[in-house]
Amino acid sequence: MINLPQVTLVAITGTTYKIKEHAEALLKSSREIEFGAIKHIQIESIKDIDSWNKAVIYELPTYINTEFAILVHHDGYVINPDLWQDRWLGYDYIGAPWPLPNDGFSYRDSRGQIVRVGNSVSLRSKKLMDLVATREWKSYYGFSNEDGFVACHQRNWLEEQGCKFAPLEVAIHFSKEHEIPENKDIKTFAFHAI
């Protein structure tokens, strides 16, 4: 059994959307890991994906009392607990790697640099969650994804506050959302929608 007392395993959803599936994701994710806490948060104001994204930014931090959280979804959770790496706790954010963008604006930080690591199924520090909750919410290029808000649009500011984002060579072992050349044939700790 892996013991992670400094990490909360968490799923956040509305009061009607895939409640059972989120509970199953929490159960599967914790089958060989003892977390500091496991929380299935159901928030009545979450009615759609936009309100869910805002709740992850502004409400989720209020439920976390440990140094870190691993956010899981009904379609993304821990699948290989034995692949846990303690070095991941040296980062404030690790999500699955993203592919190289096919346009001039996707997966880019506020300075226009391409960001390869994001994704909502992620390890996040409480420090990062508390900091990003102070930032003004807005959509970028018509998208309101919380992982893009954190990993791309607020990234440079968060780094200035001392937050560390995992590099691609670390994230390829944490989780997988897309098949990309860098994660070909690599088993991961978690997954999302793949």
Protein backbone atom coordinates (compact mmCIF):
# COMPACT_ATOMS: atom_id res chain seq x y z
CA MET A 1 0.00 0.00 0.00
CA ILE A 2 1.32 3.43 -0.97
CA ASN A 3 0.82 6.03 1.76
CA LEU A 4 0.21 9.62 0.61
CA PRO A 5 -1.02 11.53 3.68
CA GLN A 6 -0.20 14.88 2.06
CA VAL A 7 -2.50 14.24 -0.94
CA THR A 8 -6.30 14.49 -1.21
CA LEU A 9 -7.93 12.41 -3.92
CA VAL A 10 -10.86 14.44 -5.21
CA ALA A 11 -13.65 14.45 -7.77
CA ILE A 12 -15.90 17.46 -8.21
CA THR A 13 -19.23 17.48 -10.03
CA GLY A 14 -22.77 18.77 -9.96
CA THR A 15 -25.55 17.06 -8.04
CA THR A 16 -26.93 15.13 -11.03
CA TYR A 17 -24.02 14.40 -13.40
CA LYS A 18 -22.40 10.94 -13.34
CA ILE A 19 -22.38 10.74 -9.54
CA LYS A 20 -21.92 6.96 -9.52
CA GLU A 21 -19.17 7.09 -12.14
CA HIS A 22 -17.22 9.71 -10.18
CA ALA A 23 -17.54 7.58 -7.03
CA GLU A 24 -16.21 4.59 -8.97
CA ALA A 25 -13.25 6.67 -10.22
CA LEU A 26 -12.40 7.56 -6.63
CA LEU A 27 -12.68 3.93 -5.58
CA LYS A 28 -10.49 2.68 -8.44
CA SER A 29 -7.91 5.42 -7.84
CA SER A 30 -7.56 4.53 -4.16
CA ARG A 31 -7.44 0.75 -4.39
CA GLU A 32 -3.70 0.59 -3.57
CA ILE A 33 -3.09 4.09 -2.24
CA GLU A 34 -3.95 5.47 1.18
CA PHE A 35 -4.62 9.17 0.65
CA GLY A 36 -4.75 11.86 3.33
CA ALA A 37 -8.39 12.35 2.35
CA ILE A 38 -10.82 11.25 -0.35
CA LYS A 39 -13.51 13.74 -1.32
CA HIS A 40 -16.45 13.44 -3.69
CA ILE A 41 -17.64 17.03 -3.94
CA GLN A 42 -21.09 17.68 -5.37
CA ILE A 43 -21.92 21.33 -5.93
CA GLU A 44 -25.47 22.34 -6.82
CA SER A 45 -24.36 25.37 -8.85
CA ILE A 46 -22.52 23.13 -11.33
CA LYS A 47 -24.97 22.83 -14.21
CA ASP A 48 -22.68 22.60 -17.26
CA ILE A 49 -19.03 22.41 -18.27
CA ASP A 50 -18.49 26.17 -17.89
CA SER A 51 -19.77 26.23 -14.31
CA TRP A 52 -17.70 23.10 -13.57
CA ASN A 53 -14.54 24.82 -14.85
CA LYS A 54 -15.17 27.85 -12.63
CA ALA A 55 -15.88 25.63 -9.62
CA VAL A 56 -12.55 23.85 -10.05
CA ILE A 57 -10.76 27.20 -9.96
CA TYR A 58 -12.72 28.99 -7.23
CA GLU A 59 -14.44 26.37 -5.07
CA LEU A 60 -12.20 23.30 -5.13
CA PRO A 61 -9.39 24.92 -3.08
CA THR A 62 -11.78 25.50 -0.17
CA TYR A 63 -12.27 21.73 0.18
CA ILE A 64 -8.58 20.80 0.20
CA ASN A 65 -6.78 20.62 3.55
CA THR A 66 -3.68 18.74 2.43
CA GLU A 67 -0.57 20.00 0.66
CA PHE A 68 -1.66 18.44 -2.67
CA ALA A 69 -4.70 17.08 -4.48
CA ILE A 70 -5.14 14.64 -7.32
CA LEU A 71 -8.21 15.61 -9.32
CA VAL A 72 -9.94 12.72 -11.09
CA HIS A 73 -13.00 12.46 -13.34
CA HIS A 74 -15.51 9.82 -14.30
CA ASP A 75 -13.41 9.22 -17.45
CA GLY A 76 -9.95 9.75 -15.99
CA TYR A 77 -8.33 8.38 -12.86
CA VAL A 78 -5.43 6.34 -11.44
CA ILE A 79 -4.98 3.04 -13.27
CA ASN A 80 -1.46 1.96 -12.29
CA PRO A 81 -0.93 2.95 -8.63
CA ASP A 82 2.36 1.05 -8.51
CA LEU A 83 3.82 3.64 -10.90
CA TRP A 84 3.54 6.45 -8.32
CA GLN A 85 6.74 8.54 -8.03
CA ASP A 86 7.48 10.58 -4.91
CA ARG A 87 9.41 13.10 -7.03
CA TRP A 88 6.08 14.33 -8.40
CA LEU A 89 5.51 16.08 -5.07
CA GLY A 90 8.31 18.44 -6.08
CA TYR A 91 5.95 20.05 -8.59
CA ASP A 92 2.89 22.23 -8.14
CA TYR A 93 1.16 20.93 -11.27
CA ILE A 94 1.35 17.76 -13.35
CA GLY A 95 -1.22 16.78 -15.92
CA ALA A 96 -1.13 14.64 -19.03
CA PRO A 97 0.98 15.89 -21.93
CA TRP A 98 -0.69 17.78 -24.73
CA PRO A 99 0.11 17.37 -28.44
CA LEU A 100 1.80 20.10 -30.42
CA PRO A 101 -0.86 22.61 -31.52
CA ASN A 102 -2.01 22.97 -35.12
CA ASP A 103 -2.82 26.66 -34.79
CA GLY A 104 -1.26 29.85 -33.51
CA PHE A 105 -3.01 30.08 -30.14
CA SER A 106 -3.71 26.68 -28.53
CA TYR A 107 -1.56 25.32 -25.69
CA ARG A 108 0.39 28.57 -25.25
CA ASP A 109 1.33 30.60 -22.21
CA SER A 110 0.78 34.35 -21.87
CA ARG A 111 4.07 34.97 -23.72
CA GLY A 112 3.13 32.75 -26.65
CA GLN A 113 5.37 29.82 -25.71
CA ILE A 114 3.96 26.34 -26.38
CA VAL A 115 2.90 24.45 -23.25
CA ARG A 116 3.11 20.66 -23.49
CA VAL A 117 1.82 19.68 -20.03
CA GLY A 118 -1.68 20.38 -18.77
CA ASN A 119 -4.90 18.37 -18.53
CA SER A 120 -7.45 18.48 -15.79
CA VAL A 121 -6.79 14.99 -14.38
CA SER A 122 -3.81 16.21 -12.44
CA LEU A 123 -1.72 16.60 -9.32
CA ARG A 124 -1.98 20.16 -7.97
CA SER A 125 -0.48 21.78 -4.93
CA LYS A 126 -2.71 23.62 -2.50
CA LYS A 127 -0.40 26.59 -3.02
CA LEU A 128 -1.16 26.65 -6.75
CA MET A 129 -4.90 26.18 -6.21
CA ASP A 130 -5.06 29.02 -3.69
CA LEU A 131 -3.05 31.34 -5.93
CA VAL A 132 -5.00 30.72 -9.12
CA ALA A 133 -8.28 31.25 -7.24
CA THR A 134 -7.25 34.91 -6.85
CA ARG A 135 -7.11 35.46 -10.61
CA GLU A 136 -9.91 36.92 -12.70
CA TRP A 137 -11.76 34.31 -14.75
CA LYS A 138 -12.06 34.80 -18.47
CA SER A 139 -12.26 32.68 -21.57
CA TYR A 140 -9.43 32.58 -24.08
CA TYR A 141 -10.15 32.31 -27.80
CA GLY A 142 -13.69 31.22 -26.93
CA PHE A 143 -12.60 28.43 -24.57
CA SER A 144 -13.17 28.32 -20.81
CA ASN A 145 -11.23 25.21 -19.80
CA GLU A 146 -9.82 25.33 -16.29
CA ASP A 147 -6.72 23.31 -17.23
CA GLY A 148 -5.88 25.83 -19.96
CA PHE A 149 -6.54 28.67 -17.52
CA VAL A 150 -4.06 27.18 -15.03
CA ALA A 151 -1.43 25.49 -17.19
CA CYS A 152 -1.35 28.05 -20.00
CA HIS A 153 -2.89 31.43 -19.31
CA GLN A 154 -1.86 31.81 -15.65
CA ARG A 155 1.36 29.78 -15.96
CA ASN A 156 3.85 32.64 -16.20
CA TRP A 157 2.27 34.47 -13.26
CA LEU A 158 2.15 31.26 -11.21
CA GLU A 159 5.83 30.60 -11.96
CA GLU A 160 6.62 34.14 -10.78
CA GLN A 161 4.91 33.17 -7.49
CA GLY A 162 7.25 30.17 -7.18
CA CYS A 163 5.05 27.41 -8.65
CA LYS A 164 6.75 24.63 -10.57
CA PHE A 165 5.14 22.87 -13.53
CA ALA A 166 6.33 19.39 -14.41
CA PRO A 167 8.22 19.17 -17.70
CA LEU A 168 7.12 16.88 -20.53
CA GLU A 169 9.70 14.18 -19.69
CA VAL A 170 8.16 13.87 -16.20
CA ALA A 171 4.51 14.19 -17.23
CA ILE A 172 4.68 11.35 -19.78
CA HIS A 173 4.88 8.97 -16.81
CA PHE A 174 2.11 10.65 -14.80
CA SER A 175 -0.86 10.51 -17.17
CA LYS A 176 -1.98 10.09 -20.76
CA GLU A 177 -4.78 11.86 -22.63
CA HIS A 178 -3.40 11.87 -26.18
CA GLU A 179 -1.15 9.44 -28.01
CA ILE A 180 1.91 11.50 -28.87
CA PRO A 181 5.40 10.39 -29.95
CA GLU A 182 6.83 11.15 -26.50
CA ASN A 183 4.49 8.77 -24.64
CA LYS A 184 4.37 5.91 -27.14
CA ASP A 185 4.36 2.55 -25.32
CA ILE A 186 4.67 4.19 -21.88
CA LYS A 187 2.44 2.93 -19.07
CA THR A 188 1.17 5.78 -16.94
CA PHE A 189 -0.02 6.26 -13.38
CA ALA A 190 -3.30 7.84 -14.56
CA PHE A 191 -5.24 8.53 -17.75
CA HIS A 192 -7.94 10.78 -19.11
CA ALA A 193 -10.43 9.93 -21.86
CA ILE A 194 -8.12 7.64 -23.84
